[in-house]
Amino acid sequence: MENQVFCTPETTVYRQVKDELVVIQLESGKFFYFNPTTKEVLDYFKTPRSFGAFLIAAEATPTSERGVQLREFCRLLLENQLISEAESVSDSLVEAVKMSMPPSLIRRGEQTLDELTFLCP
């Protein structure tokens, strides 16, 4: 995974609401609630970057507890199309990812946006 390049696609939108980060995947209509640290991860991948560069920026190694946790978290984001694989990479500008706590999923939305629109016109 260290050589994989990821980016946050335009179909992933997010906004901080109180003490949670609400993330919507526009193509699927699914929504997710994360802790606020997740914004740092999604912001980092606004520019296509490798997972290896992300680990360096997050001061983690592939085998450290933090590195393993970040790998699993990125897999979760990838599986839910909140990040996607990219072809090009911009690792020349590795900027620090300031995470006060590990990013984590709080809960998933159980309805699609269409269902929400129907319920709340």
PDB file of N, CA and C in Angstrom:
ATOM      1  N   MET A   1       0.823  -1.192   0.000  1.00  0.00           N
ATOM      2  CA  MET A   1       0.000   0.000   0.000  1.00  0.00           C
ATOM      3  C   MET A   1       0.872   1.263   0.000  1.00  0.00           C
ATOM      4  N   GLU A   2       2.123   1.172   0.475  1.00  0.00           N
ATOM      5  CA  GLU A   2       2.978   2.343   0.593  1.00  0.00           C
ATOM      6  C   GLU A   2       3.180   3.055  -0.742  1.00  0.00           C
ATOM      7  N   ASN A   3       3.153   2.304  -1.860  1.00  0.00           N
ATOM      8  CA  ASN A   3       3.373   2.913  -3.170  1.00  0.00           C
ATOM      9  C   ASN A   3       2.081   3.365  -3.843  1.00  0.00           C
ATOM     10  N   GLN A   4       0.945   3.049  -3.257  1.00  0.00           N
ATOM     11  CA  GLN A   4      -0.323   3.466  -3.847  1.00  0.00           C
ATOM     12  C   GLN A   4      -0.487   4.973  -3.699  1.00  0.00           C
ATOM     13  N   VAL A   5      -1.079   5.566  -4.723  1.00  0.00           N
ATOM     14  CA  VAL A   5      -1.320   7.009  -4.729  1.00  0.00           C
ATOM     15  C   VAL A   5      -2.816   7.233  -4.561  1.00  0.00           C
ATOM     16  N   PHE A   6      -3.160   8.093  -3.625  1.00  0.00           N
ATOM     17  CA  PHE A   6      -4.559   8.383  -3.332  1.00  0.00           C
ATOM     18  C   PHE A   6      -4.862   9.863  -3.518  1.00  0.00           C
ATOM     19  N   CYS A   7      -6.130  10.144  -3.738  1.00  0.00           N
ATOM     20  CA  CYS A   7      -6.592  11.532  -3.752  1.00  0.00           C
ATOM     21  C   CYS A   7      -8.020  11.564  -3.220  1.00  0.00           C
ATOM     22  N   THR A   8      -8.414  12.725  -2.751  1.00  0.00           N
ATOM     23  CA  THR A   8      -9.790  12.939  -2.314  1.00  0.00           C
ATOM     24  C   THR A   8     -10.558  13.446  -3.522  1.00  0.00           C
ATOM     25  N   PRO A   9     -11.480  12.645  -4.064  1.00  0.00           N
ATOM     26  CA  PRO A   9     -12.188  13.066  -5.282  1.00  0.00           C
ATOM     27  C   PRO A   9     -13.199  14.187  -5.007  1.00  0.00           C
ATOM     28  N   GLU A  10     -13.609  14.832  -6.069  1.00  0.00           N
ATOM     29  CA  GLU A  10     -14.597  15.906  -5.939  1.00  0.00           C
ATOM     30  C   GLU A  10     -15.952  15.379  -5.474  1.00  0.00           C
ATOM     31  N   THR A  11     -16.167  14.078  -5.599  1.00  0.00           N
ATOM     32  CA  THR A  11     -17.435  13.480  -5.164  1.00  0.00           C
ATOM     33  C   THR A  11     -17.473  13.245  -3.660  1.00  0.00           C
ATOM     34  N   THR A  12     -16.378  13.569  -2.972  1.00  0.00           N
ATOM     35  CA  THR A  12     -16.339  13.489  -1.513  1.00  0.00           C
ATOM     36  C   THR A  12     -16.402  14.904  -0.968  1.00  0.00           C
ATOM     37  N   VAL A  13     -17.473  15.202  -0.278  1.00  0.00           N
ATOM     38  CA  VAL A  13     -17.605  16.521   0.335  1.00  0.00           C
ATOM     39  C   VAL A  13     -17.702  16.348   1.842  1.00  0.00           C
ATOM     40  N   TYR A  14     -17.159  17.315   2.551  1.00  0.00           N
ATOM     41  CA  TYR A  14     -17.165  17.188   4.010  1.00  0.00           C
ATOM     42  C   TYR A  14     -17.187  18.553   4.665  1.00  0.00           C
ATOM     43  N   ARG A  15     -17.733  18.536   5.871  1.00  0.00           N
ATOM     44  CA  ARG A  15     -17.840  19.764   6.649  1.00  0.00           C
ATOM     45  C   ARG A  15     -17.864  19.392   8.121  1.00  0.00           C
ATOM     46  N   GLN A  16     -17.193  20.212   8.912  1.00  0.00           N
ATOM     47  CA  GLN A  16     -17.200  20.020  10.355  1.00  0.00           C
ATOM     48  C   GLN A  16     -18.512  20.542  10.919  1.00  0.00           C
ATOM     49  N   VAL A  17     -19.209  19.704  11.676  1.00  0.00           N
ATOM     50  CA  VAL A  17     -20.447  20.091  12.347  1.00  0.00           C
ATOM     51  C   VAL A  17     -20.264  19.748  13.821  1.00  0.00           C
ATOM     52  N   LYS A  18     -20.124  20.803  14.605  1.00  0.00           N
ATOM     53  CA  LYS A  18     -19.838  20.669  16.034  1.00  0.00           C
ATOM     54  C   LYS A  18     -18.566  19.851  16.216  1.00  0.00           C
ATOM     55  N   ASP A  19     -18.644  18.709  16.891  1.00  0.00           N
ATOM     56  CA  ASP A  19     -17.428  17.937  17.157  1.00  0.00           C
ATOM     57  C   ASP A  19     -17.292  16.712  16.244  1.00  0.00           C
ATOM     58  N   GLU A  20     -17.967  16.747  15.096  1.00  0.00           N
ATOM     59  CA  GLU A  20     -17.880  15.647  14.137  1.00  0.00           C
ATOM     60  C   GLU A  20     -17.595  16.194  12.743  1.00  0.00           C
ATOM     61  N   LEU A  21     -17.018  15.351  11.913  1.00  0.00           N
ATOM     62  CA  LEU A  21     -16.826  15.673  10.509  1.00  0.00           C
ATOM     63  C   LEU A  21     -17.847  14.851   9.730  1.00  0.00           C
ATOM     64  N   VAL A  22     -18.740  15.523   9.028  1.00  0.00           N
ATOM     65  CA  VAL A  22     -19.745  14.846   8.224  1.00  0.00           C
ATOM     66  C   VAL A  22     -19.194  14.752   6.803  1.00  0.00           C
ATOM     67  N   VAL A  23     -19.144  13.535   6.279  1.00  0.00           N
ATOM     68  CA  VAL A  23     -18.596  13.287   4.948  1.00  0.00           C
ATOM     69  C   VAL A  23     -19.673  12.626   4.101  1.00  0.00           C
ATOM     70  N   ILE A  24     -19.883  13.164   2.900  1.00  0.00           N
ATOM     71  CA  ILE A  24     -20.874  12.601   1.987  1.00  0.00           C
ATOM     72  C   ILE A  24     -20.177  12.165   0.712  1.00  0.00           C
ATOM     73  N   GLN A  25     -20.466  10.956   0.276  1.00  0.00           N
ATOM     74  CA  GLN A  25     -19.981  10.453  -1.000  1.00  0.00           C
ATOM     75  C   GLN A  25     -21.134  10.678  -1.975  1.00  0.00           C
ATOM     76  N   LEU A  26     -20.991  11.679  -2.828  1.00  0.00           N
ATOM     77  CA  LEU A  26     -22.107  12.126  -3.658  1.00  0.00           C
ATOM     78  C   LEU A  26     -22.617  11.073  -4.640  1.00  0.00           C
ATOM     79  N   GLU A  27     -21.735  10.237  -5.187  1.00  0.00           N
ATOM     80  CA  GLU A  27     -22.187   9.238  -6.164  1.00  0.00           C
ATOM     81  C   GLU A  27     -23.058   8.171  -5.525  1.00  0.00           C
ATOM     82  N   SER A  28     -22.704   7.746  -4.334  1.00  0.00           N
ATOM     83  CA  SER A  28     -23.496   6.707  -3.670  1.00  0.00           C
ATOM     84  C   SER A  28     -24.600   7.303  -2.801  1.00  0.00           C
ATOM     85  N   GLY A  29     -24.446   8.572  -2.410  1.00  0.00           N
ATOM     86  CA  GLY A  29     -25.422   9.191  -1.525  1.00  0.00           C
ATOM     87  C   GLY A  29     -25.256   8.784  -0.075  1.00  0.00           C
ATOM     88  N   LYS A  30     -24.211   8.049   0.233  1.00  0.00           N
ATOM     89  CA  LYS A  30     -23.990   7.621   1.620  1.00  0.00           C
ATOM     90  C   LYS A  30     -23.271   8.724   2.390  1.00  0.00           C
ATOM     91  N   PHE A  31     -23.552   8.774   3.686  1.00  0.00           N
ATOM     92  CA  PHE A  31     -22.879   9.754   4.511  1.00  0.00           C
ATOM     93  C   PHE A  31     -22.283   9.078   5.729  1.00  0.00           C
ATOM     94  N   PHE A  32     -21.244   9.716   6.246  1.00  0.00           N
ATOM     95  CA  PHE A  32     -20.447   9.144   7.323  1.00  0.00           C
ATOM     96  C   PHE A  32     -20.132  10.240   8.332  1.00  0.00           C
ATOM     97  N   TYR A  33     -19.960   9.822   9.560  1.00  0.00           N
ATOM     98  CA  TYR A  33     -19.557  10.741  10.624  1.00  0.00           C
ATOM     99  C   TYR A  33     -18.214  10.257  11.156  1.00  0.00           C
ATOM    100  N   PHE A  34     -17.244  11.160  11.160  1.00  0.00           N
ATOM    101  CA  PHE A  34     -15.902  10.854  11.633  1.00  0.00           C
ATOM    102  C   PHE A  34     -15.522  11.827  12.742  1.00  0.00           C
ATOM    103  N   ASN A  35     -14.450  11.488  13.452  1.00  0.00           N
ATOM    104  CA  ASN A  35     -13.926  12.466  14.395  1.00  0.00           C
ATOM    105  C   ASN A  35     -13.237  13.573  13.584  1.00  0.00           C
ATOM    106  N   PRO A  36     -13.042  14.759  14.169  1.00  0.00           N
ATOM    107  CA  PRO A  36     -12.528  15.909  13.422  1.00  0.00           C
ATOM    108  C   PRO A  36     -11.151  15.692  12.783  1.00  0.00           C
ATOM    109  N   THR A  37     -10.326  14.814  13.323  1.00  0.00           N
ATOM    110  CA  THR A  37      -8.996  14.577  12.780  1.00  0.00           C
ATOM    111  C   THR A  37      -9.054  14.080  11.338  1.00  0.00           C
ATOM    112  N   THR A  38     -10.127  13.450  10.955  1.00  0.00           N
ATOM    113  CA  THR A  38     -10.269  12.918   9.604  1.00  0.00           C
ATOM    114  C   THR A  38     -10.149  14.017   8.550  1.00  0.00           C
ATOM    115  N   LYS A  39     -10.506  15.239   8.900  1.00  0.00           N
ATOM    116  CA  LYS A  39     -10.380  16.364   7.960  1.00  0.00           C
ATOM    117  C   LYS A  39      -8.928  16.525   7.519  1.00  0.00           C
ATOM    118  N   GLU A  40      -7.983  16.336   8.423  1.00  0.00           N
ATOM    119  CA  GLU A  40      -6.566  16.453   8.083  1.00  0.00           C
ATOM    120  C   GLU A  40      -6.175  15.420   7.023  1.00  0.00           C
ATOM    121  N   VAL A  41      -6.713  14.223   7.143  1.00  0.00           N
ATOM    122  CA  VAL A  41      -6.416  13.158   6.182  1.00  0.00           C
ATOM    123  C   VAL A  41      -7.004  13.505   4.813  1.00  0.00           C
ATOM    124  N   LEU A  42      -8.274  13.874   4.780  1.00  0.00           N
ATOM    125  CA  LEU A  42      -8.913  14.206   3.506  1.00  0.00           C
ATOM    126  C   LEU A  42      -8.275  15.435   2.864  1.00  0.00           C
ATOM    127  N   ASP A  43      -7.915  16.424   3.680  1.00  0.00           N
ATOM    128  CA  ASP A  43      -7.232  17.609   3.147  1.00  0.00           C
ATOM    129  C   ASP A  43      -5.866  17.244   2.568  1.00  0.00           C
ATOM    130  N   TYR A  44      -5.144  16.355   3.239  1.00  0.00           N
ATOM    131  CA  TYR A  44      -3.815  15.951   2.781  1.00  0.00           C
ATOM    132  C   TYR A  44      -3.892  15.342   1.383  1.00  0.00           C
ATOM    133  N   PHE A  45      -4.906  14.530   1.151  1.00  0.00           N
ATOM    134  CA  PHE A  45      -5.033  13.848  -0.139  1.00  0.00           C
ATOM    135  C   PHE A  45      -5.786  14.682  -1.184  1.00  0.00           C
ATOM    136  N   LYS A  46      -6.054  15.970  -0.909  1.00  0.00           N
ATOM    137  CA  LYS A  46      -6.625  16.836  -1.944  1.00  0.00           C
ATOM    138  C   LYS A  46      -5.676  16.879  -3.143  1.00  0.00           C
ATOM    139  N   THR A  47      -4.382  16.838  -2.862  1.00  0.00           N
ATOM    140  CA  THR A  47      -3.362  16.697  -3.889  1.00  0.00           C
ATOM    141  C   THR A  47      -2.986  15.220  -3.915  1.00  0.00           C
ATOM    142  N   PRO A  48      -2.941  14.578  -5.084  1.00  0.00           N
ATOM    143  CA  PRO A  48      -2.604  13.145  -5.122  1.00  0.00           C
ATOM    144  C   PRO A  48      -1.238  12.877  -4.479  1.00  0.00           C
ATOM    145  N   ARG A  49      -1.241  11.990  -3.506  1.00  0.00           N
ATOM    146  CA  ARG A  49      -0.016  11.661  -2.778  1.00  0.00           C
ATOM    147  C   ARG A  49       0.013  10.179  -2.470  1.00  0.00           C
ATOM    148  N   SER A  50       1.214   9.671  -2.294  1.00  0.00           N
ATOM    149  CA  SER A  50       1.356   8.248  -1.984  1.00  0.00           C
ATOM    150  C   SER A  50       1.071   8.014  -0.505  1.00  0.00           C
ATOM    151  N   PHE A  51       0.674   6.792  -0.219  1.00  0.00           N
ATOM    152  CA  PHE A  51       0.428   6.426   1.172  1.00  0.00           C
ATOM    153  C   PHE A  51       1.730   6.497   1.962  1.00  0.00           C
ATOM    154  N   GLY A  52       2.843   6.133   1.332  1.00  0.00           N
ATOM    155  CA  GLY A  52       4.151   6.214   1.989  1.00  0.00           C
ATOM    156  C   GLY A  52       4.474   7.631   2.433  1.00  0.00           C
ATOM    157  N   ALA A  53       4.199   8.616   1.569  1.00  0.00           N
ATOM    158  CA  ALA A  53       4.426  10.018   1.929  1.00  0.00           C
ATOM    159  C   ALA A  53       3.496  10.435   3.069  1.00  0.00           C
ATOM    160  N   PHE A  54       2.282   9.904   3.055  1.00  0.00           N
ATOM    161  CA  PHE A  54       1.331  10.193   4.123  1.00  0.00           C
ATOM    162  C   PHE A  54       1.863   9.697   5.459  1.00  0.00           C
ATOM    163  N   LEU A  55       2.426   8.483   5.469  1.00  0.00           N
ATOM    164  CA  LEU A  55       2.990   7.953   6.712  1.00  0.00           C
ATOM    165  C   LEU A  55       4.117   8.833   7.224  1.00  0.00           C
ATOM    166  N   ILE A  56       4.980   9.269   6.316  1.00  0.00           N
ATOM    167  CA  ILE A  56       6.083  10.153   6.708  1.00  0.00           C
ATOM    168  C   ILE A  56       5.537  11.443   7.297  1.00  0.00           C
ATOM    169  N   ALA A  57       4.551  12.032   6.620  1.00  0.00           N
ATOM    170  CA  ALA A  57       3.955  13.287   7.095  1.00  0.00           C
ATOM    171  C   ALA A  57       3.277  13.110   8.448  1.00  0.00           C
ATOM    172  N   ALA A  58       2.731  11.919   8.693  1.00  0.00           N
ATOM    173  CA  ALA A  58       2.043  11.631   9.949  1.00  0.00           C
ATOM    174  C   ALA A  58       2.997  11.097  11.019  1.00  0.00           C
ATOM    175  N   GLU A  59       4.298  11.118  10.695  1.00  0.00           N
ATOM    176  CA  GLU A  59       5.331  10.630  11.613  1.00  0.00           C
ATOM    177  C   GLU A  59       5.061   9.202  12.064  1.00  0.00           C
ATOM    178  N   ALA A  60       4.794   8.341  11.085  1.00  0.00           N
ATOM    179  CA  ALA A  60       4.531   6.928  11.354  1.00  0.00           C
ATOM    180  C   ALA A  60       5.382   6.079  10.413  1.00  0.00           C
ATOM    181  N   THR A  61       5.564   4.833  10.782  1.00  0.00           N
ATOM    182  CA  THR A  61       6.236   3.876   9.909  1.00  0.00           C
ATOM    183  C   THR A  61       5.226   2.792   9.545  1.00  0.00           C
ATOM    184  N   PRO A  62       5.472   2.064   8.446  1.00  0.00           N
ATOM    185  CA  PRO A  62       4.507   1.039   8.030  1.00  0.00           C
ATOM    186  C   PRO A  62       4.221  -0.019   9.090  1.00  0.00           C
ATOM    187  N   THR A  63       5.197  -0.309   9.950  1.00  0.00           N
ATOM    188  CA  THR A  63       5.004  -1.380  10.935  1.00  0.00           C
ATOM    189  C   THR A  63       4.630  -0.870  12.325  1.00  0.00           C
ATOM    190  N   SER A  64       4.657   0.436  12.525  1.00  0.00           N
ATOM    191  CA  SER A  64       4.288   0.971  13.840  1.00  0.00           C
ATOM    192  C   SER A  64       2.790   0.830  14.056  1.00  0.00           C
ATOM    193  N   GLU A  65       2.386   0.908  15.301  1.00  0.00           N
ATOM    194  CA  GLU A  65       0.955   0.814  15.622  1.00  0.00           C
ATOM    195  C   GLU A  65       0.171   1.915  14.905  1.00  0.00           C
ATOM    196  N   ARG A  66       0.718   3.112  14.909  1.00  0.00           N
ATOM    197  CA  ARG A  66       0.064   4.245  14.236  1.00  0.00           C
ATOM    198  C   ARG A  66      -0.010   4.011  12.730  1.00  0.00           C
ATOM    199  N   GLY A  67       1.068   3.481  12.151  1.00  0.00           N
ATOM    200  CA  GLY A  67       1.099   3.203  10.715  1.00  0.00           C
ATOM    201  C   GLY A  67       0.073   2.160  10.306  1.00  0.00           C
ATOM    202  N   VAL A  68      -0.056   1.118  11.088  1.00  0.00           N
ATOM    203  CA  VAL A  68      -1.040   0.061  10.815  1.00  0.00           C
ATOM    204  C   VAL A  68      -2.456   0.629  10.940  1.00  0.00           C
ATOM    205  N   GLN A  69      -2.673   1.432  11.949  1.00  0.00           N
ATOM    206  CA  GLN A  69      -3.987   2.045  12.153  1.00  0.00           C
ATOM    207  C   GLN A  69      -4.344   2.970  10.984  1.00  0.00           C
ATOM    208  N   LEU A  70      -3.379   3.757  10.510  1.00  0.00           N
ATOM    209  CA  LEU A  70      -3.628   4.649   9.380  1.00  0.00           C
ATOM    210  C   LEU A  70      -3.869   3.868   8.088  1.00  0.00           C
ATOM    211  N   ARG A  71      -3.177   2.750   7.917  1.00  0.00           N
ATOM    212  CA  ARG A  71      -3.401   1.906   6.741  1.00  0.00           C
ATOM    213  C   ARG A  71      -4.828   1.376   6.740  1.00  0.00           C
ATOM    214  N   GLU A  72      -5.289   0.867   7.876  1.00  0.00           N
ATOM    215  CA  GLU A  72      -6.651   0.346   7.967  1.00  0.00           C
ATOM    216  C   GLU A  72      -7.678   1.464   7.752  1.00  0.00           C
ATOM    217  N   PHE A  73      -7.384   2.636   8.272  1.00  0.00           N
ATOM    218  CA  PHE A  73      -8.303   3.751   8.095  1.00  0.00           C
ATOM    219  C   PHE A  73      -8.384   4.154   6.621  1.00  0.00           C
ATOM    220  N   CYS A  74      -7.255   4.219   5.939  1.00  0.00           N
ATOM    221  CA  CYS A  74      -7.256   4.555   4.508  1.00  0.00           C
ATOM    222  C   CYS A  74      -7.972   3.471   3.697  1.00  0.00           C
ATOM    223  N   ARG A  75      -7.859   2.224   4.101  1.00  0.00           N
ATOM    224  CA  ARG A  75      -8.617   1.152   3.428  1.00  0.00           C
ATOM    225  C   ARG A  75     -10.123   1.390   3.568  1.00  0.00           C
ATOM    226  N   LEU A  76     -10.544   1.786   4.753  1.00  0.00           N
ATOM    227  CA  LEU A  76     -11.951   2.098   4.990  1.00  0.00           C
ATOM    228  C   LEU A  76     -12.398   3.233   4.072  1.00  0.00           C
ATOM    229  N   LEU A  77     -11.600   4.285   3.977  1.00  0.00           N
ATOM    230  CA  LEU A  77     -11.934   5.412   3.102  1.00  0.00           C
ATOM    231  C   LEU A  77     -11.996   4.970   1.641  1.00  0.00           C
ATOM    232  N   LEU A  78     -11.055   4.142   1.239  1.00  0.00           N
ATOM    233  CA  LEU A  78     -11.002   3.656  -0.141  1.00  0.00           C
ATOM    234  C   LEU A  78     -12.197   2.764  -0.461  1.00  0.00           C
ATOM    235  N   GLU A  79     -12.547   1.854   0.435  1.00  0.00           N
ATOM    236  CA  GLU A  79     -13.680   0.950   0.226  1.00  0.00           C
ATOM    237  C   GLU A  79     -14.995   1.712   0.086  1.00  0.00           C
ATOM    238  N   ASN A  80     -15.091   2.851   0.752  1.00  0.00           N
ATOM    239  CA  ASN A  80     -16.319   3.642   0.702  1.00  0.00           C
ATOM    240  C   ASN A  80     -16.230   4.780  -0.315  1.00  0.00           C
ATOM    241  N   GLN A  81     -15.198   4.761  -1.136  1.00  0.00           N
ATOM    242  CA  GLN A  81     -14.977   5.731  -2.219  1.00  0.00           C
ATOM    243  C   GLN A  81     -14.851   7.155  -1.706  1.00  0.00           C
ATOM    244  N   LEU A  82     -14.381   7.311  -0.477  1.00  0.00           N
ATOM    245  CA  LEU A  82     -14.154   8.641   0.071  1.00  0.00           C
ATOM    246  C   LEU A  82     -12.786   9.170  -0.336  1.00  0.00           C
ATOM    247  N   ILE A  83     -11.865   8.268  -0.635  1.00  0.00           N
ATOM    248  CA  ILE A  83     -10.638   8.578  -1.351  1.00  0.00           C
ATOM    249  C   ILE A  83     -10.584   7.615  -2.526  1.00  0.00           C
ATOM    250  N   SER A  84      -9.786   7.946  -3.518  1.00  0.00           N
ATOM    251  CA  SER A  84      -9.671   7.059  -4.668  1.00  0.00           C
ATOM    252  C   SER A  84      -8.212   6.950  -5.074  1.00  0.00           C
ATOM    253  N   GLU A  85      -7.919   5.927  -5.863  1.00  0.00           N
ATOM    254  CA  GLU A  85      -6.553   5.784  -6.370  1.00  0.00           C
ATOM    255  C   GLU A  85      -6.343   6.807  -7.466  1.00  0.00           C
ATOM    256  N   ALA A  86      -5.141   7.358  -7.512  1.00  0.00           N
ATOM    257  CA  ALA A  86      -4.790   8.362  -8.506  1.00  0.00           C
ATOM    258  C   ALA A  86      -3.577   7.877  -9.292  1.00  0.00           C
ATOM    259  N   GLU A  87      -3.352   8.470 -10.441  1.00  0.00           N
ATOM    260  CA  GLU A  87      -2.221   8.064 -11.272  1.00  0.00           C
ATOM    261  C   GLU A  87      -0.979   8.902 -11.000  1.00  0.00           C
ATOM    262  N   SER A  88      -1.139  10.206 -10.892  1.00  0.00           N
ATOM    263  CA  SER A  88       0.020  11.067 -10.670  1.00  0.00           C
ATOM    264  C   SER A  88       0.215  11.300  -9.180  1.00  0.00           C
ATOM    265  N   VAL A  89       1.397  11.772  -8.836  1.00  0.00           N
ATOM    266  CA  VAL A  89       1.718  11.953  -7.425  1.00  0.00           C
ATOM    267  C   VAL A  89       2.465  13.280  -7.236  1.00  0.00           C
ATOM    268  N   SER A  90       2.242  13.928  -6.109  1.00  0.00           N
ATOM    269  CA  SER A  90       2.921  15.180  -5.772  1.00  0.00           C
ATOM    270  C   SER A  90       3.616  15.030  -4.423  1.00  0.00           C
ATOM    271  N   ASP A  91       4.543  14.083  -4.323  1.00  0.00           N
ATOM    272  CA  ASP A  91       5.221  13.838  -3.056  1.00  0.00           C
ATOM    273  C   ASP A  91       6.360  14.811  -2.781  1.00  0.00           C
ATOM    274  N   SER A  92       6.675  15.678  -3.734  1.00  0.00           N
ATOM    275  CA  SER A  92       7.791  16.588  -3.518  1.00  0.00           C
ATOM    276  C   SER A  92       7.497  17.569  -2.386  1.00  0.00           C
ATOM    277  N   LEU A  93       6.237  17.857  -2.173  1.00  0.00           N
ATOM    278  CA  LEU A  93       5.852  18.770  -1.102  1.00  0.00           C
ATOM    279  C   LEU A  93       5.146  17.991   0.002  1.00  0.00           C
ATOM    280  N   VAL A  94       5.915  17.298   0.807  1.00  0.00           N
ATOM    281  CA  VAL A  94       5.326  16.524   1.895  1.00  0.00           C
ATOM    282  C   VAL A  94       5.093  17.467   3.062  1.00  0.00           C
ATOM    283  N   GLU A  95       3.843  17.738   3.330  1.00  0.00           N
ATOM    284  CA  GLU A  95       3.517  18.614   4.449  1.00  0.00           C
ATOM    285  C   GLU A  95       3.021  17.774   5.612  1.00  0.00           C
ATOM    286  N   ALA A  96       3.284  18.247   6.803  1.00  0.00           N
ATOM    287  CA  ALA A  96       2.932  17.497   8.002  1.00  0.00           C
ATOM    288  C   ALA A  96       1.417  17.371   8.149  1.00  0.00           C
ATOM    289  N   VAL A  97       0.998  16.232   8.657  1.00  0.00           N
ATOM    290  CA  VAL A  97      -0.402  16.006   8.992  1.00  0.00           C
ATOM    291  C   VAL A  97      -0.484  16.087  10.512  1.00  0.00           C
ATOM    292  N   LYS A  98      -1.155  17.087  10.994  1.00  0.00           N
ATOM    293  CA  LYS A  98      -1.224  17.309  12.439  1.00  0.00           C
ATOM    294  C   LYS A  98      -2.468  16.637  12.996  1.00  0.00           C
ATOM    295  N   MET A  99      -2.286  15.453  13.517  1.00  0.00           N
ATOM    296  CA  MET A  99      -3.406  14.695  14.058  1.00  0.00           C
ATOM    297  C   MET A  99      -3.287  14.644  15.576  1.00  0.00           C
ATOM    298  N   SER A 100      -4.227  15.277  16.251  1.00  0.00           N
ATOM    299  CA  SER A 100      -4.217  15.260  17.705  1.00  0.00           C
ATOM    300  C   SER A 100      -4.636  13.894  18.238  1.00  0.00           C
ATOM    301  N   MET A 101      -5.446  13.198  17.461  1.00  0.00           N
ATOM    302  CA  MET A 101      -5.899  11.848  17.814  1.00  0.00           C
ATOM    303  C   MET A 101      -6.003  11.067  16.515  1.00  0.00           C
ATOM    304  N   PRO A 102      -5.999   9.764  16.555  1.00  0.00           N
ATOM    305  CA  PRO A 102      -6.146   9.001  15.315  1.00  0.00           C
ATOM    306  C   PRO A 102      -7.499   9.257  14.668  1.00  0.00           C
ATOM    307  N   PRO A 103      -7.555   9.325  13.343  1.00  0.00           N
ATOM    308  CA  PRO A 103      -8.850   9.479  12.683  1.00  0.00           C
ATOM    309  C   PRO A 103      -9.686   8.227  12.906  1.00  0.00           C
ATOM    310  N   SER A 104     -10.983   8.401  13.030  1.00  0.00           N
ATOM    311  CA  SER A 104     -11.833   7.229  13.235  1.00  0.00           C
ATOM    312  C   SER A 104     -13.251   7.495  12.770  1.00  0.00           C
ATOM    313  N   LEU A 105     -13.896   6.422  12.339  1.00  0.00           N
ATOM    314  CA  LEU A 105     -15.293   6.460  11.941  1.00  0.00           C
ATOM    315  C   LEU A 105     -16.148   6.425  13.203  1.00  0.00           C
ATOM    316  N   ILE A 106     -17.099   7.331  13.310  1.00  0.00           N
ATOM    317  CA  ILE A 106     -18.008   7.339  14.461  1.00  0.00           C
ATOM    318  C   ILE A 106     -19.249   6.514  14.134  1.00  0.00           C
ATOM    319  N   ARG A 107     -19.854   6.802  12.983  1.00  0.00           N
ATOM    320  CA  ARG A 107     -21.015   6.028  12.532  1.00  0.00           C
ATOM    321  C   ARG A 107     -21.262   6.325  11.059  1.00  0.00           C
ATOM    322  N   ARG A 108     -22.044   5.473  10.436  1.00  0.00           N
ATOM    323  CA  ARG A 108     -22.406   5.623   9.028  1.00  0.00           C
ATOM    324  C   ARG A 108     -23.862   6.047   8.931  1.00  0.00           C
ATOM    325  N   GLY A 109     -24.146   6.786   7.868  1.00  0.00           N
ATOM    326  CA  GLY A 109     -25.537   7.115   7.601  1.00  0.00           C
ATOM    327  C   GLY A 109     -26.258   5.886   7.099  1.00  0.00           C
ATOM    328  N   GLU A 110     -27.487   5.697   7.517  1.00  0.00           N
ATOM    329  CA  GLU A 110     -28.240   4.515   7.131  1.00  0.00           C
ATOM    330  C   GLU A 110     -29.184   4.777   5.980  1.00  0.00           C
ATOM    331  N   GLN A 111     -29.242   6.008   5.509  1.00  0.00           N
ATOM    332  CA  GLN A 111     -30.127   6.340   4.407  1.00  0.00           C
ATOM    333  C   GLN A 111     -29.329   7.057   3.328  1.00  0.00           C
ATOM    334  N   THR A 112     -29.786   6.974   2.110  1.00  0.00           N
ATOM    335  CA  THR A 112     -29.134   7.705   1.036  1.00  0.00           C
ATOM    336  C   THR A 112     -29.661   9.133   1.021  1.00  0.00           C
ATOM    337  N   LEU A 113     -28.990   9.993   0.279  1.00  0.00           N
ATOM    338  CA  LEU A 113     -29.446  11.386   0.173  1.00  0.00           C
ATOM    339  C   LEU A 113     -30.848  11.477  -0.406  1.00  0.00           C
ATOM    340  N   ASP A 114     -31.180  10.605  -1.375  1.00  0.00           N
ATOM    341  CA  ASP A 114     -32.524  10.610  -1.944  1.00  0.00           C
ATOM    342  C   ASP A 114     -33.579  10.349  -0.869  1.00  0.00           C
ATOM    343  N   GLU A 115     -33.301   9.397   0.006  1.00  0.00           N
ATOM    344  CA  GLU A 115     -34.236   9.094   1.076  1.00  0.00           C
ATOM    345  C   GLU A 115     -34.360  10.262   2.037  1.00  0.00           C
ATOM    346  N   LEU A 116     -33.248  10.937   2.327  1.00  0.00           N
ATOM    347  CA  LEU A 116     -33.281  12.079   3.217  1.00  0.00           C
ATOM    348  C   LEU A 116     -34.067  13.232   2.606  1.00  0.00           C
ATOM    349  N   THR A 117     -33.888  13.459   1.304  1.00  0.00           N
ATOM    350  CA  THR A 117     -34.622  14.515   0.621  1.00  0.00           C
ATOM    351  C   THR A 117     -36.126  14.234   0.679  1.00  0.00           C
ATOM    352  N   PHE A 118     -36.468  12.966   0.522  1.00  0.00           N
ATOM    353  CA  PHE A 118     -37.884  12.581   0.568  1.00  0.00           C
ATOM    354  C   PHE A 118     -38.455  12.804   1.970  1.00  0.00           C
ATOM    355  N   LEU A 119     -37.655  12.468   3.010  1.00  0.00           N
ATOM    356  CA  LEU A 119     -38.126  12.598   4.381  1.00  0.00           C
ATOM    357  C   LEU A 119     -38.151  14.039   4.852  1.00  0.00           C
ATOM    358  N   CYS A 120     -37.263  14.864   4.322  1.00  0.00           N
ATOM    359  CA  CYS A 120     -37.137  16.259   4.764  1.00  0.00           C
ATOM    360  C   CYS A 120     -37.195  17.190   3.554  1.00  0.00           C
ATOM    361  N   PRO A 121     -38.384  17.445   3.000  1.00  0.00           N
ATOM    362  CA  PRO A 121     -38.471  18.259   1.774  1.00  0.00           C
ATOM    363  C   PRO A 121     -38.051  19.708   2.006  1.00  0.00           C
TER     364      PRO A 121
END
